[in-house]
PDB file of N, CA and C in Angstrom:
ATOM      1  N   UNK A   1     172.844  89.430 114.583  1.00  0.00           N
ATOM      2  CA  UNK A   1     172.859  88.125 114.530  1.00  0.00           C
ATOM      3  C   UNK A   1     171.942  87.483 115.872  1.00  0.00           C
ATOM      4  N   UNK A   2     171.945  88.369 116.800  1.00  0.00           N
ATOM      5  CA  UNK A   2     171.097  87.929 118.287  1.00  0.00           C
ATOM      6  C   UNK A   2     169.591  88.101 117.864  1.00  0.00           C
ATOM      7  N   UNK A   3     168.874  89.064 116.778  1.00  0.00           N
ATOM      8  CA  UNK A   3     167.929  88.950 116.609  1.00  0.00           C
ATOM      9  C   UNK A   3     167.125  87.742 115.969  1.00  0.00           C
ATOM     10  N   UNK A   4     168.028  86.986 115.250  1.00  0.00           N
ATOM     11  CA  UNK A   4     167.396  85.929 114.529  1.00  0.00           C
ATOM     12  C   UNK A   4     167.135  84.764 115.623  1.00  0.00           C
ATOM     13  N   UNK A   5     167.517  84.741 116.769  1.00  0.00           N
ATOM     14  CA  UNK A   5     167.420  83.828 117.863  1.00  0.00           C
ATOM     15  C   UNK A   5     166.000  84.165 118.442  1.00  0.00           C
ATOM     16  N   UNK A   6     165.520  85.081 118.371  1.00  0.00           N
ATOM     17  CA  UNK A   6     163.986  85.576 118.963  1.00  0.00           C
ATOM     18  C   UNK A   6     162.949  85.390 117.928  1.00  0.00           C
ATOM     19  N   UNK A   7     161.869  85.163 118.279  1.00  0.00           N
ATOM     20  CA  UNK A   7     160.755  85.099 117.347  1.00  0.00           C
ATOM     21  C   UNK A   7     160.436  86.385 116.753  1.00  0.00           C
ATOM     22  N   UNK A   8     159.664  86.477 115.862  1.00  0.00           N
ATOM     23  CA  UNK A   8     159.212  87.490 115.037  1.00  0.00           C
ATOM     24  C   UNK A   8     158.769  88.852 115.855  1.00  0.00           C
ATOM     25  N   UNK A   9     157.671  88.447 116.946  1.00  0.00           N
ATOM     26  CA  UNK A   9     157.043  89.306 117.769  1.00  0.00           C
ATOM     27  C   UNK A   9     157.825  90.101 118.703  1.00  0.00           C
ATOM     28  N   UNK A  10     158.908  89.273 119.207  1.00  0.00           N
ATOM     29  CA  UNK A  10     159.895  89.682 120.296  1.00  0.00           C
ATOM     30  C   UNK A  10     160.787  90.688 119.490  1.00  0.00           C
ATOM     31  N   UNK A  11     161.271  90.389 118.104  1.00  0.00           N
ATOM     32  CA  UNK A  11     162.255  91.204 117.335  1.00  0.00           C
ATOM     33  C   UNK A  11     161.192  92.434 116.986  1.00  0.00           C
ATOM     34  N   UNK A  12     160.171  92.520 116.637  1.00  0.00           N
ATOM     35  CA  UNK A  12     159.200  93.525 116.316  1.00  0.00           C
ATOM     36  C   UNK A  12     159.137  94.566 117.403  1.00  0.00           C
ATOM     37  N   UNK A  13     158.845  93.948 118.789  1.00  0.00           N
ATOM     38  CA  UNK A  13     158.698  94.838 119.894  1.00  0.00           C
ATOM     39  C   UNK A  13     160.093  95.547 120.051  1.00  0.00           C
ATOM     40  N   UNK A  14     161.432  94.566 120.023  1.00  0.00           N
ATOM     41  CA  UNK A  14     162.426  95.358 120.381  1.00  0.00           C
ATOM     42  C   UNK A  14     162.841  96.427 119.418  1.00  0.00           C
ATOM     43  N   UNK A  15     162.510  96.351 118.107  1.00  0.00           N
ATOM     44  CA  UNK A  15     162.826  97.214 117.090  1.00  0.00           C
ATOM     45  C   UNK A  15     161.963  98.587 117.484  1.00  0.00           C
ATOM     46  N   UNK A  16     160.635  98.334 117.655  1.00  0.00           N
ATOM     47  CA  UNK A  16     159.876  99.373 117.935  1.00  0.00           C
ATOM     48  C   UNK A  16     160.564 100.254 119.220  1.00  0.00           C
ATOM     49  N   UNK A  17     160.731  99.542 120.242  1.00  0.00           N
ATOM     50  CA  UNK A  17     161.248 100.415 121.426  1.00  0.00           C
ATOM     51  C   UNK A  17     162.697 101.044 120.917  1.00  0.00           C
ATOM     52  N   UNK A  18     163.345 100.470 120.114  1.00  0.00           N
ATOM     53  CA  UNK A  18     164.646 100.957 120.206  1.00  0.00           C
ATOM     54  C   UNK A  18     164.820 101.988 119.125  1.00  0.00           C
ATOM     55  N   UNK A  19     164.051 101.699 117.952  1.00  0.00           N
ATOM     56  CA  UNK A  19     163.980 102.845 116.785  1.00  0.00           C
ATOM     57  C   UNK A  19     162.969 103.676 116.606  1.00  0.00           C
ATOM     58  N   UNK A  20     161.756 103.428 117.376  1.00  0.00           N
ATOM     59  CA  UNK A  20     160.597 104.367 117.268  1.00  0.00           C
ATOM     60  C   UNK A  20     159.521 103.691 116.287  1.00  0.00           C
ATOM     61  N   UNK A  21     158.632 104.744 115.795  1.00  0.00           N
ATOM     62  CA  UNK A  21     157.469 104.217 115.112  1.00  0.00           C
ATOM     63  C   UNK A  21     157.732 103.930 113.582  1.00  0.00           C
ATOM     64  N   UNK A  22     158.818 104.384 113.186  1.00  0.00           N
ATOM     65  CA  UNK A  22     159.315 103.688 111.625  1.00  0.00           C
ATOM     66  C   UNK A  22     160.518 103.167 111.676  1.00  0.00           C
ATOM     67  N   UNK A  23     160.840 101.800 111.101  1.00  0.00           N
ATOM     68  CA  UNK A  23     161.978 101.006 111.093  1.00  0.00           C
ATOM     69  C   UNK A  23     162.334 100.715 109.611  1.00  0.00           C
ATOM     70  N   UNK A  24     163.336 101.397 109.242  1.00  0.00           N
ATOM     71  CA  UNK A  24     163.819 100.947 107.971  1.00  0.00           C
ATOM     72  C   UNK A  24     164.826  99.707 107.927  1.00  0.00           C
ATOM     73  N   UNK A  25     164.670  98.506 107.294  1.00  0.00           N
ATOM     74  CA  UNK A  25     165.407  97.447 107.456  1.00  0.00           C
ATOM     75  C   UNK A  25     165.467  96.938 105.791  1.00  0.00           C
ATOM     76  N   UNK A  26     166.188  95.628 105.755  1.00  0.00           N
ATOM     77  CA  UNK A  26     166.432  95.038 104.535  1.00  0.00           C
ATOM     78  C   UNK A  26     165.835  93.593 104.910  1.00  0.00           C
ATOM     79  N   UNK A  27     165.426  92.954 103.772  1.00  0.00           N
ATOM     80  CA  UNK A  27     165.038  91.556 103.480  1.00  0.00           C
ATOM     81  C   UNK A  27     165.902  91.206 102.372  1.00  0.00           C
ATOM     82  N   UNK A  28     167.014  90.799 102.705  1.00  0.00           N
ATOM     83  CA  UNK A  28     168.079  90.771 101.651  1.00  0.00           C
ATOM     84  C   UNK A  28     168.487  92.164 101.131  1.00  0.00           C
ATOM     85  N   UNK A  29     168.584  92.103  99.841  1.00  0.00           N
ATOM     86  CA  UNK A  29     168.709  93.587  99.146  1.00  0.00           C
ATOM     87  C   UNK A  29     167.432  94.549  99.038  1.00  0.00           C
ATOM     88  N   UNK A  30     166.291  93.726  99.453  1.00  0.00           N
ATOM     89  CA  UNK A  30     164.828  94.639  99.282  1.00  0.00           C
ATOM     90  C   UNK A  30     164.691  95.339 100.727  1.00  0.00           C
ATOM     91  N   UNK A  31     164.651  96.784 100.405  1.00  0.00           N
ATOM     92  CA  UNK A  31     164.213  97.655 101.543  1.00  0.00           C
ATOM     93  C   UNK A  31     162.944  97.440 101.983  1.00  0.00           C
ATOM     94  N   UNK A  32     162.772  97.409 103.460  1.00  0.00           N
ATOM     95  CA  UNK A  32     161.590  97.178 104.249  1.00  0.00           C
ATOM     96  C   UNK A  32     160.968  98.279 104.991  1.00  0.00           C
ATOM     97  N   UNK A  33     160.011  98.860 104.972  1.00  0.00           N
ATOM     98  CA  UNK A  33     159.674  99.979 106.008  1.00  0.00           C
ATOM     99  C   UNK A  33     158.637  99.349 106.915  1.00  0.00           C
ATOM    100  N   UNK A  34     158.952  99.264 108.385  1.00  0.00           N
ATOM    101  CA  UNK A  34     158.151  98.737 109.263  1.00  0.00           C
ATOM    102  C   UNK A  34     157.395  99.796 110.075  1.00  0.00           C
ATOM    103  N   UNK A  35     156.230 100.033 109.981  1.00  0.00           N
ATOM    104  CA  UNK A  35     155.599 101.006 110.490  1.00  0.00           C
ATOM    105  C   UNK A  35     154.580 100.807 111.813  1.00  0.00           C
ATOM    106  N   UNK A  36     154.885 101.581 113.068  1.00  0.00           N
ATOM    107  CA  UNK A  36     154.413 101.226 114.304  1.00  0.00           C
ATOM    108  C   UNK A  36     153.357 102.244 114.689  1.00  0.00           C
ATOM    109  N   UNK A  37     152.977 102.862 113.905  1.00  0.00           N
ATOM    110  CA  UNK A  37     151.736 104.127 114.150  1.00  0.00           C
ATOM    111  C   UNK A  37     150.469 103.537 113.449  1.00  0.00           C
ATOM    112  N   UNK A  38     149.459 103.641 114.281  1.00  0.00           N
ATOM    113  CA  UNK A  38     148.097 103.035 113.864  1.00  0.00           C
ATOM    114  C   UNK A  38     147.572 104.372 112.889  1.00  0.00           C
ATOM    115  N   UNK A  39     147.720 105.610 113.275  1.00  0.00           N
ATOM    116  CA  UNK A  39     147.256 106.707 112.499  1.00  0.00           C
ATOM    117  C   UNK A  39     147.780 106.619 111.139  1.00  0.00           C
ATOM    118  N   UNK A  40     149.040 106.597 111.064  1.00  0.00           N
ATOM    119  CA  UNK A  40     149.948 106.835 109.814  1.00  0.00           C
ATOM    120  C   UNK A  40     149.214 105.481 108.951  1.00  0.00           C
ATOM    121  N   UNK A  41     149.154 104.288 109.609  1.00  0.00           N
ATOM    122  CA  UNK A  41     148.521 102.863 108.858  1.00  0.00           C
ATOM    123  C   UNK A  41     147.000 103.162 108.355  1.00  0.00           C
ATOM    124  N   UNK A  42     146.273 104.147 109.195  1.00  0.00           N
ATOM    125  CA  UNK A  42     145.099 104.308 108.703  1.00  0.00           C
ATOM    126  C   UNK A  42     145.018 105.345 107.670  1.00  0.00           C
ATOM    127  N   UNK A  43     145.877 106.190 107.624  1.00  0.00           N
ATOM    128  CA  UNK A  43     145.858 107.153 106.578  1.00  0.00           C
ATOM    129  C   UNK A  43     146.518 106.475 105.317  1.00  0.00           C
ATOM    130  N   UNK A  44     147.279 105.766 105.371  1.00  0.00           N
ATOM    131  CA  UNK A  44     147.808 104.959 104.213  1.00  0.00           C
ATOM    132  C   UNK A  44     146.625 103.885 103.711  1.00  0.00           C
ATOM    133  N   UNK A  45     146.192 102.848 104.524  1.00  0.00           N
ATOM    134  CA  UNK A  45     145.434 101.807 104.141  1.00  0.00           C
ATOM    135  C   UNK A  45     143.991 102.101 104.022  1.00  0.00           C
ATOM    136  N   UNK A  46     143.426 103.325 104.440  1.00  0.00           N
ATOM    137  CA  UNK A  46     142.059 103.663 104.225  1.00  0.00           C
ATOM    138  C   UNK A  46     141.983 104.880 103.187  1.00  0.00           C
ATOM    139  N   UNK A  47     142.678 106.154 103.527  1.00  0.00           N
ATOM    140  CA  UNK A  47     142.606 107.111 102.695  1.00  0.00           C
ATOM    141  C   UNK A  47     143.206 106.987 101.575  1.00  0.00           C
ATOM    142  N   UNK A  48     144.279 106.310 101.417  1.00  0.00           N
ATOM    143  CA  UNK A  48     144.911 105.953 100.114  1.00  0.00           C
ATOM    144  C   UNK A  48     145.237 104.429  99.739  1.00  0.00           C
ATOM    145  N   UNK A  49     143.798 104.065  99.785  1.00  0.00           N
ATOM    146  CA  UNK A  49     143.672 102.511  99.692  1.00  0.00           C
ATOM    147  C   UNK A  49     144.350 101.979  98.219  1.00  0.00           C
ATOM    148  N   UNK A  50     144.216 102.842  97.216  1.00  0.00           N
ATOM    149  CA  UNK A  50     144.185 102.357  95.901  1.00  0.00           C
ATOM    150  C   UNK A  50     145.545 102.292  95.736  1.00  0.00           C
ATOM    151  N   UNK A  51     146.431 103.022  96.619  1.00  0.00           N
ATOM    152  CA  UNK A  51     148.199 103.013  96.205  1.00  0.00           C
ATOM    153  C   UNK A  51     148.716 101.628  96.663  1.00  0.00           C
ATOM    154  N   UNK A  52     147.976 100.961  97.948  1.00  0.00           N
ATOM    155  CA  UNK A  52     148.385 100.039  98.511  1.00  0.00           C
ATOM    156  C   UNK A  52     147.621  98.510  98.092  1.00  0.00           C
ATOM    157  N   UNK A  53     147.282  98.328  96.973  1.00  0.00           N
ATOM    158  CA  UNK A  53     146.808  97.112  96.437  1.00  0.00           C
ATOM    159  C   UNK A  53     147.460  95.922  96.590  1.00  0.00           C
ATOM    160  N   UNK A  54     148.547  95.857  96.345  1.00  0.00           N
ATOM    161  CA  UNK A  54     149.486  94.725  96.520  1.00  0.00           C
ATOM    162  C   UNK A  54     150.889  94.727  97.121  1.00  0.00           C
ATOM    163  N   UNK A  55     151.336  93.700  97.801  1.00  0.00           N
ATOM    164  CA  UNK A  55     152.597  93.954  98.399  1.00  0.00           C
ATOM    165  C   UNK A  55     153.551  93.001  98.002  1.00  0.00           C
ATOM    166  N   UNK A  56     154.753  92.870  98.454  1.00  0.00           N
ATOM    167  CA  UNK A  56     155.587  91.970  98.100  1.00  0.00           C
ATOM    168  C   UNK A  56     155.071  90.651  98.353  1.00  0.00           C
ATOM    169  N   UNK A  57     155.507  89.722  97.292  1.00  0.00           N
ATOM    170  CA  UNK A  57     155.157  87.974  97.260  1.00  0.00           C
ATOM    171  C   UNK A  57     156.042  87.462  98.728  1.00  0.00           C
ATOM    172  N   UNK A  58     155.179  86.613  99.541  1.00  0.00           N
ATOM    173  CA  UNK A  58     155.774  86.100 100.586  1.00  0.00           C
ATOM    174  C   UNK A  58     155.179  84.628 100.348  1.00  0.00           C
ATOM    175  N   UNK A  59     156.233  83.619 100.173  1.00  0.00           N
ATOM    176  CA  UNK A  59     155.792  82.332  99.906  1.00  0.00           C
ATOM    177  C   UNK A  59     155.854  81.585 101.574  1.00  0.00           C
ATOM    178  N   UNK A  60     154.687  80.901 101.631  1.00  0.00           N
ATOM    179  CA  UNK A  60     154.047  80.116 102.815  1.00  0.00           C
ATOM    180  C   UNK A  60     153.949  78.807 102.491  1.00  0.00           C
ATOM    181  N   UNK A  61     153.365  78.737 101.141  1.00  0.00           N
ATOM    182  CA  UNK A  61     152.992  77.380 100.690  1.00  0.00           C
ATOM    183  C   UNK A  61     151.528  77.595 100.381  1.00  0.00           C
ATOM    184  N   UNK A  62     150.941  76.456  99.616  1.00  0.00           N
ATOM    185  CA  UNK A  62     149.514  76.569  99.093  1.00  0.00           C
ATOM    186  C   UNK A  62     148.345  76.886 100.290  1.00  0.00           C
ATOM    187  N   UNK A  63     148.788  76.357 101.330  1.00  0.00           N
ATOM    188  CA  UNK A  63     147.581  76.199 102.612  1.00  0.00           C
ATOM    189  C   UNK A  63     147.296  77.715 102.777  1.00  0.00           C
ATOM    190  N   UNK A  64     148.468  78.769 102.417  1.00  0.00           N
ATOM    191  CA  UNK A  64     148.233  80.127 103.001  1.00  0.00           C
ATOM    192  C   UNK A  64     147.753  80.953 101.583  1.00  0.00           C
ATOM    193  N   UNK A  65     147.654  80.238 100.595  1.00  0.00           N
ATOM    194  CA  UNK A  65     147.499  81.272  99.433  1.00  0.00           C
ATOM    195  C   UNK A  65     146.413  82.088  99.372  1.00  0.00           C
ATOM    196  N   UNK A  66     145.161  81.754 100.130  1.00  0.00           N
ATOM    197  CA  UNK A  66     144.086  82.792 100.237  1.00  0.00           C
ATOM    198  C   UNK A  66     143.844  83.445 101.544  1.00  0.00           C
ATOM    199  N   UNK A  67     144.966  83.346 102.120  1.00  0.00           N
ATOM    200  CA  UNK A  67     144.901  84.402 103.456  1.00  0.00           C
ATOM    201  C   UNK A  67     145.071  85.704 103.077  1.00  0.00           C
ATOM    202  N   UNK A  68     144.770  86.679 104.019  1.00  0.00           N
ATOM    203  CA  UNK A  68     144.873  88.057 103.593  1.00  0.00           C
ATOM    204  C   UNK A  68     146.235  88.504 103.654  1.00  0.00           C
ATOM    205  N   UNK A  69     147.240  87.594 104.295  1.00  0.00           N
ATOM    206  CA  UNK A  69     148.497  87.908 104.613  1.00  0.00           C
ATOM    207  C   UNK A  69     149.321  87.899 103.172  1.00  0.00           C
ATOM    208  N   UNK A  70     148.935  86.772 102.168  1.00  0.00           N
ATOM    209  CA  UNK A  70     149.843  86.498 101.070  1.00  0.00           C
ATOM    210  C   UNK A  70     148.803  86.657  99.838  1.00  0.00           C
ATOM    211  N   UNK A  71     147.691  86.753  99.958  1.00  0.00           N
ATOM    212  CA  UNK A  71     146.665  86.765  98.784  1.00  0.00           C
ATOM    213  C   UNK A  71     147.138  87.985  98.091  1.00  0.00           C
ATOM    214  N   UNK A  72     146.839  88.205  96.653  1.00  0.00           N
ATOM    215  CA  UNK A  72     147.141  89.387  95.833  1.00  0.00           C
ATOM    216  C   UNK A  72     145.852  89.818  95.062  1.00  0.00           C
ATOM    217  N   UNK A  73     145.980  90.763  94.405  1.00  0.00           N
ATOM    218  CA  UNK A  73     144.984  91.156  93.390  1.00  0.00           C
ATOM    219  C   UNK A  73     143.268  91.118  93.663  1.00  0.00           C
ATOM    220  N   UNK A  74     142.755  90.750  92.961  1.00  0.00           N
ATOM    221  CA  UNK A  74     141.283  90.771  93.121  1.00  0.00           C
ATOM    222  C   UNK A  74     140.883  89.871  94.329  1.00  0.00           C
ATOM    223  N   UNK A  75     141.376  88.836  94.624  1.00  0.00           N
ATOM    224  CA  UNK A  75     141.119  88.072  96.039  1.00  0.00           C
ATOM    225  C   UNK A  75     141.559  88.956  97.283  1.00  0.00           C
ATOM    226  N   UNK A  76     142.724  89.458  97.025  1.00  0.00           N
ATOM    227  CA  UNK A  76     143.024  90.331  98.289  1.00  0.00           C
ATOM    228  C   UNK A  76     142.184  91.400  98.395  1.00  0.00           C
ATOM    229  N   UNK A  77     141.960  92.401  97.219  1.00  0.00           N
ATOM    230  CA  UNK A  77     140.744  93.347  97.358  1.00  0.00           C
ATOM    231  C   UNK A  77     139.515  92.938  98.207  1.00  0.00           C
ATOM    232  N   UNK A  78     138.892  91.922  97.743  1.00  0.00           N
ATOM    233  CA  UNK A  78     137.586  91.463  98.196  1.00  0.00           C
ATOM    234  C   UNK A  78     137.749  91.140  99.580  1.00  0.00           C
ATOM    235  N   UNK A  79     138.724  90.123 100.006  1.00  0.00           N
ATOM    236  CA  UNK A  79     138.971  89.763 101.452  1.00  0.00           C
ATOM    237  C   UNK A  79     139.114  91.554 102.063  1.00  0.00           C
ATOM    238  N   UNK A  80     139.855  92.297 101.781  1.00  0.00           N
ATOM    239  CA  UNK A  80     140.208  93.220 102.613  1.00  0.00           C
ATOM    240  C   UNK A  80     138.973  94.287 102.703  1.00  0.00           C
ATOM    241  N   UNK A  81     138.147  94.299 101.704  1.00  0.00           N
ATOM    242  CA  UNK A  81     136.957  94.919 101.475  1.00  0.00           C
ATOM    243  C   UNK A  81     135.910  94.554 102.927  1.00  0.00           C
ATOM    244  N   UNK A  82     136.063  93.078 102.983  1.00  0.00           N
ATOM    245  CA  UNK A  82     135.073  92.535 103.853  1.00  0.00           C
ATOM    246  C   UNK A  82     135.714  92.834 105.466  1.00  0.00           C
ATOM    247  N   UNK A  83     136.763  92.857 105.227  1.00  0.00           N
ATOM    248  CA  UNK A  83     137.442  92.932 106.942  1.00  0.00           C
ATOM    249  C   UNK A  83     137.817  94.374 107.415  1.00  0.00           C
ATOM    250  N   UNK A  84     137.886  95.252 106.469  1.00  0.00           N
ATOM    251  CA  UNK A  84     138.191  96.623 106.736  1.00  0.00           C
ATOM    252  C   UNK A  84     137.247  97.474 107.804  1.00  0.00           C
ATOM    253  N   UNK A  85     136.041  97.000 107.731  1.00  0.00           N
ATOM    254  CA  UNK A  85     135.327  97.685 109.187  1.00  0.00           C
ATOM    255  C   UNK A  85     135.737  97.493 110.471  1.00  0.00           C
ATOM    256  N   UNK A  86     136.280  96.249 110.443  1.00  0.00           N
ATOM    257  CA  UNK A  86     136.948  95.598 111.699  1.00  0.00           C
ATOM    258  C   UNK A  86     138.324  96.683 111.970  1.00  0.00           C
ATOM    259  N   UNK A  87     138.705  97.316 111.301  1.00  0.00           N
ATOM    260  CA  UNK A  87     139.938  98.164 111.392  1.00  0.00           C
ATOM    261  C   UNK A  87     139.673  99.740 111.551  1.00  0.00           C
ATOM    262  N   UNK A  88     138.415 100.045 111.769  1.00  0.00           N
ATOM    263  CA  UNK A  88     137.968 101.566 112.043  1.00  0.00           C
ATOM    264  C   UNK A  88     138.845 102.131 113.049  1.00  0.00           C
ATOM    265  N   UNK A  89     139.118 103.449 112.910  1.00  0.00           N
ATOM    266  CA  UNK A  89     140.114 104.018 113.938  1.00  0.00           C
ATOM    267  C   UNK A  89     139.515 103.806 115.633  1.00  0.00           C
ATOM    268  N   UNK A  90     138.082 103.921 115.569  1.00  0.00           N
ATOM    269  CA  UNK A  90     137.554 103.625 117.123  1.00  0.00           C
ATOM    270  C   UNK A  90     137.946 102.102 117.611  1.00  0.00           C
ATOM    271  N   UNK A  91     137.722 101.151 116.616  1.00  0.00           N
ATOM    272  CA  UNK A  91     138.181  99.762 116.730  1.00  0.00           C
ATOM    273  C   UNK A  91     139.721  99.598 117.295  1.00  0.00           C
ATOM    274  N   UNK A  92     140.260 100.297 116.416  1.00  0.00           N
ATOM    275  CA  UNK A  92     141.838 100.177 116.781  1.00  0.00           C
ATOM    276  C   UNK A  92     142.378 101.088 118.206  1.00  0.00           C
ATOM    277  N   UNK A  93     141.737 102.129 118.406  1.00  0.00           N
ATOM    278  CA  UNK A  93     141.894 102.582 119.514  1.00  0.00           C
ATOM    279  C   UNK A  93     141.480 101.864 120.686  1.00  0.00           C
ATOM    280  N   UNK A  94     140.367 100.943 120.654  1.00  0.00           N
ATOM    281  CA  UNK A  94     140.074 100.065 121.701  1.00  0.00           C
ATOM    282  C   UNK A  94     141.391  99.166 121.967  1.00  0.00           C
ATOM    283  N   UNK A  95     141.857  98.763 121.163  1.00  0.00           N
ATOM    284  CA  UNK A  95     143.028  97.496 121.089  1.00  0.00           C
ATOM    285  C   UNK A  95     144.117  98.402 121.881  1.00  0.00           C
TER     286      UNK A  95
END
């Protein structure tokens, strides 16, 4: 219950420190895998891009419908194609 008193970034950092690069948790009854490994993410989202074309639906309201975080389908693929160069391994390592 203490986790819910913190903001999401603090919670993520605490879970990363406590459990490592891969954290399995639940959002209600839905299993969620949180990944904190840049190389694994690059492998999944660059080399196996076609497998990860959609994610679970997160409801934020109409103002967010076209953001990368919650868009889906063709709009998500179009947006991701535009920003993908910004997430190259070289640029991620500099962060």
